Amino acid sequence: MEDEKKEPQEPQNPGAAPDSNGAPVAEDLEAIKAQLEEEKKAKATAEALLSGRDARIAELEASLSEAKQGSEATVAELASVKAAHAQAVSKYLEVARALNSTIPHDVISGQTIEEIDASVAKALSIATAVKANLEAQAKETKVPAGAPTRGGISTEGLSPREKIAAGIQQKGGTS
């Protein structure tokens, strides 16, 4: 708009004629001045809008910069929280293994607390089932407590001499 040069327009009154020198009449000059003033106002309005737009662009760029900084801080904080979470899960796994020392360490595993808890529950149910099975087997093969009762030595098939030696030995004598 600024670079455009406008050619003088035809007078508003087509019946009015220029004066004898070919210069526009006073009425035409007034119309041209009024048009020039309108264009100046339009130019000022356009410049104001452009400066407002530039201010808004600068404001949005500043907001974007702040958002990027906030995003970077959030990413760093998230990484820190993930590292702390992984460390906490690792310690929880160690504690779960220590509290269940009768269960092999390889059986208790997991990447989250829920997985570790499920692993412990499964291992405990297996251990309980094995223990019950072993107890049932132990009841089937009952062994009497203490030493067996002493019975007499069977003398069947012994010669008379062997029978005498066995009798002396039972009484605490020597053979």
Protein backbone atom coordinates (compact mmCIF):
# COMPACT_ATOMS: atom_id res chain seq x y z
CA MET A 1 0.00 0.00 0.00
CA GLU A 2 2.81 2.37 0.84
CA ASP A 3 4.70 1.78 -2.38
CA GLU A 4 1.70 2.13 -4.60
CA LYS A 5 1.34 5.49 -6.23
CA LYS A 6 -2.11 6.44 -7.26
CA GLU A 7 -2.82 8.44 -10.27
CA PRO A 8 -5.11 11.33 -9.77
CA GLN A 9 -8.64 10.28 -10.27
CA GLU A 10 -11.14 11.97 -12.42
CA PRO A 11 -13.02 14.71 -10.66
CA GLN A 12 -16.06 13.69 -8.68
CA ASN A 13 -18.24 16.02 -10.67
CA PRO A 14 -18.06 14.95 -14.26
CA GLY A 15 -19.73 18.18 -15.36
CA ALA A 16 -17.04 20.32 -13.71
CA ALA A 17 -14.30 21.37 -16.01
CA PRO A 18 -10.74 22.26 -15.15
CA ASP A 19 -9.86 25.89 -15.16
CA SER A 20 -8.24 27.57 -18.13
CA ASN A 21 -4.73 26.34 -17.19
CA GLY A 22 -5.88 22.72 -17.01
CA ALA A 23 -5.54 22.64 -13.18
CA PRO A 24 -8.31 21.07 -11.20
CA VAL A 25 -10.88 23.27 -9.63
CA ALA A 26 -11.12 23.90 -5.86
CA GLU A 27 -13.89 21.34 -5.53
CA ASP A 28 -11.71 18.70 -7.15
CA LEU A 29 -8.84 19.59 -4.83
CA GLU A 30 -11.08 19.20 -1.81
CA ALA A 31 -12.22 15.79 -3.03
CA ILE A 32 -8.61 14.71 -3.60
CA LYS A 33 -7.63 15.95 -0.13
CA ALA A 34 -10.52 14.06 1.44
CA GLN A 35 -9.52 10.91 -0.43
CA LEU A 36 -5.90 11.39 0.66
CA GLU A 37 -6.99 11.73 4.28
CA GLU A 38 -9.06 8.54 4.04
CA GLU A 39 -6.09 6.68 2.61
CA LYS A 40 -3.84 8.03 5.37
CA LYS A 41 -6.34 6.78 7.96
CA ALA A 42 -6.52 3.40 6.22
CA LYS A 43 -2.73 3.25 6.19
CA ALA A 44 -2.55 4.12 9.90
CA THR A 45 -5.16 1.47 10.68
CA ALA A 46 -3.23 -1.13 8.66
CA GLU A 47 0.04 -0.18 10.41
CA ALA A 48 -1.67 -0.45 13.80
CA LEU A 49 -2.98 -3.90 12.90
CA LEU A 50 0.47 -4.97 11.72
CA SER A 51 2.13 -3.74 14.90
CA GLY A 52 -0.56 -5.53 16.95
CA ARG A 53 0.07 -8.69 14.96
CA ASP A 54 3.83 -8.36 15.51
CA ALA A 55 3.27 -7.91 19.25
CA ARG A 56 1.05 -10.99 19.31
CA ILE A 57 3.69 -12.99 17.40
CA ALA A 58 6.34 -11.93 19.91
CA GLU A 59 4.02 -12.89 22.78
CA LEU A 60 3.34 -16.32 21.25
CA GLU A 61 7.07 -16.90 20.63
CA ALA A 62 7.76 -16.09 24.29
CA SER A 63 5.03 -18.50 25.37
CA LEU A 64 6.46 -21.17 23.10
CA SER A 65 9.91 -20.65 24.58
CA GLU A 66 8.50 -20.98 28.11
CA ALA A 67 6.60 -24.11 27.11
CA LYS A 68 9.77 -25.66 25.66
CA GLN A 69 11.67 -24.94 28.86
CA GLY A 70 8.83 -26.39 30.93
CA SER A 71 8.73 -29.44 28.67
CA GLU A 72 12.47 -30.01 29.06
CA ALA A 73 12.13 -29.74 32.84
CA THR A 74 9.22 -32.18 32.79
CA VAL A 75 11.20 -34.67 30.70
CA ALA A 76 14.11 -34.47 33.14
CA GLU A 77 11.77 -34.90 36.10
CA LEU A 78 10.09 -37.88 34.43
CA ALA A 79 13.47 -39.54 33.85
CA SER A 80 14.32 -39.00 37.51
CA VAL A 81 11.00 -40.50 38.63
CA LYS A 82 11.48 -43.52 36.34
CA ALA A 83 14.95 -44.14 37.77
CA ALA A 84 13.62 -43.89 41.34
CA HIS A 85 10.77 -46.25 40.47
CA ALA A 86 13.15 -48.82 38.98
CA GLN A 87 15.34 -48.63 42.08
CA ALA A 88 12.30 -49.05 44.36
CA VAL A 89 11.10 -52.09 42.41
CA SER A 90 14.58 -53.62 42.59
CA LYS A 91 14.70 -53.15 46.37
CA TYR A 92 11.18 -54.56 46.71
CA LEU A 93 12.31 -57.66 44.78
CA GLU A 94 15.26 -58.10 47.15
CA VAL A 95 12.98 -57.77 50.19
CA ALA A 96 10.46 -60.24 48.74
CA ARG A 97 13.24 -62.77 48.16
CA ALA A 98 14.64 -62.24 51.66
CA LEU A 99 11.24 -62.66 53.32
CA ASN A 100 10.62 -65.89 51.42
CA SER A 101 13.98 -67.56 51.96
CA THR A 102 12.52 -71.06 51.57
CA ILE A 103 11.64 -70.29 47.95
CA PRO A 104 14.47 -70.30 45.37
CA HIS A 105 15.42 -66.75 44.31
CA ASP A 106 14.95 -67.54 40.61
CA VAL A 107 11.26 -68.27 41.15
CA ILE A 108 10.53 -64.78 42.52
CA SER A 109 10.90 -62.25 39.72
CA GLY A 110 9.15 -59.34 37.97
CA GLN A 111 9.58 -55.86 36.55
CA THR A 112 6.78 -54.26 38.58
CA ILE A 113 5.55 -54.61 42.14
CA GLU A 114 2.40 -56.33 40.89
CA GLU A 115 4.44 -58.90 38.94
CA ILE A 116 6.64 -59.55 41.97
CA ASP A 117 3.59 -60.00 44.23
CA ALA A 118 2.04 -62.42 41.71
CA SER A 119 5.33 -64.32 41.51
CA VAL A 120 5.52 -64.63 45.32
CA ALA A 121 1.89 -65.77 45.53
CA LYS A 122 2.46 -68.41 42.86
CA ALA A 123 5.68 -69.62 44.51
CA LEU A 124 3.98 -69.84 47.92
CA SER A 125 1.09 -71.85 46.47
CA ILE A 126 3.55 -74.25 44.84
CA ALA A 127 5.55 -74.55 48.07
CA THR A 128 2.36 -75.24 50.05
CA ALA A 129 1.29 -77.93 47.58
CA VAL A 130 4.73 -79.60 47.69
CA LYS A 131 4.76 -79.50 51.50
CA ALA A 132 1.30 -81.08 51.70
CA ASN A 133 2.36 -83.78 49.25
CA LEU A 134 5.50 -84.58 51.26
CA GLU A 135 3.50 -84.74 54.49
CA ALA A 136 1.03 -87.14 52.89
CA GLN A 137 3.87 -89.36 51.74
CA ALA A 138 5.46 -89.26 55.18
CA LYS A 139 2.20 -90.42 56.80
CA GLU A 140 1.98 -93.36 54.41
CA THR A 141 5.41 -94.69 55.39
CA LYS A 142 5.02 -94.68 59.13
CA VAL A 143 8.15 -95.46 61.10
CA PRO A 144 7.70 -96.24 64.79
CA ALA A 145 9.42 -93.91 67.18
CA GLY A 146 12.38 -95.21 69.16
CA ALA A 147 14.39 -98.42 68.83
CA PRO A 148 12.66 -101.66 67.90
CA THR A 149 11.96 -104.12 70.69
CA ARG A 150 14.54 -106.78 71.25
CA GLY A 151 13.50 -110.22 70.51
CA GLY A 152 15.21 -113.44 71.06
CA ILE A 153 17.74 -114.71 68.58
CA SER A 154 16.34 -117.28 66.29
CA THR A 155 18.08 -120.53 66.96
CA GLU A 156 16.64 -122.35 64.04
CA GLY A 157 19.23 -123.96 61.90
CA LEU A 158 22.01 -123.48 64.46
CA SER A 159 24.18 -126.31 65.62
CA PRO A 160 24.15 -127.18 69.32
CA ARG A 161 27.50 -125.50 69.81
CA GLU A 162 26.24 -122.25 68.14
CA LYS A 163 23.13 -122.34 70.31
CA ILE A 164 25.26 -122.52 73.47
CA ALA A 165 27.47 -119.62 72.27
CA ALA A 166 24.41 -117.48 71.50
CA GLY A 167 22.92 -118.17 74.94
CA ILE A 168 26.17 -117.23 76.73
CA GLN A 169 26.39 -114.04 74.69
CA GLN A 170 22.86 -112.94 75.63
CA LYS A 171 23.56 -113.31 79.30
CA GLY A 172 26.53 -110.99 79.07
CA GLY A 173 29.17 -113.64 79.10
CA THR A 174 31.95 -114.15 76.60
CA SER A 175 32.05 -116.77 73.99
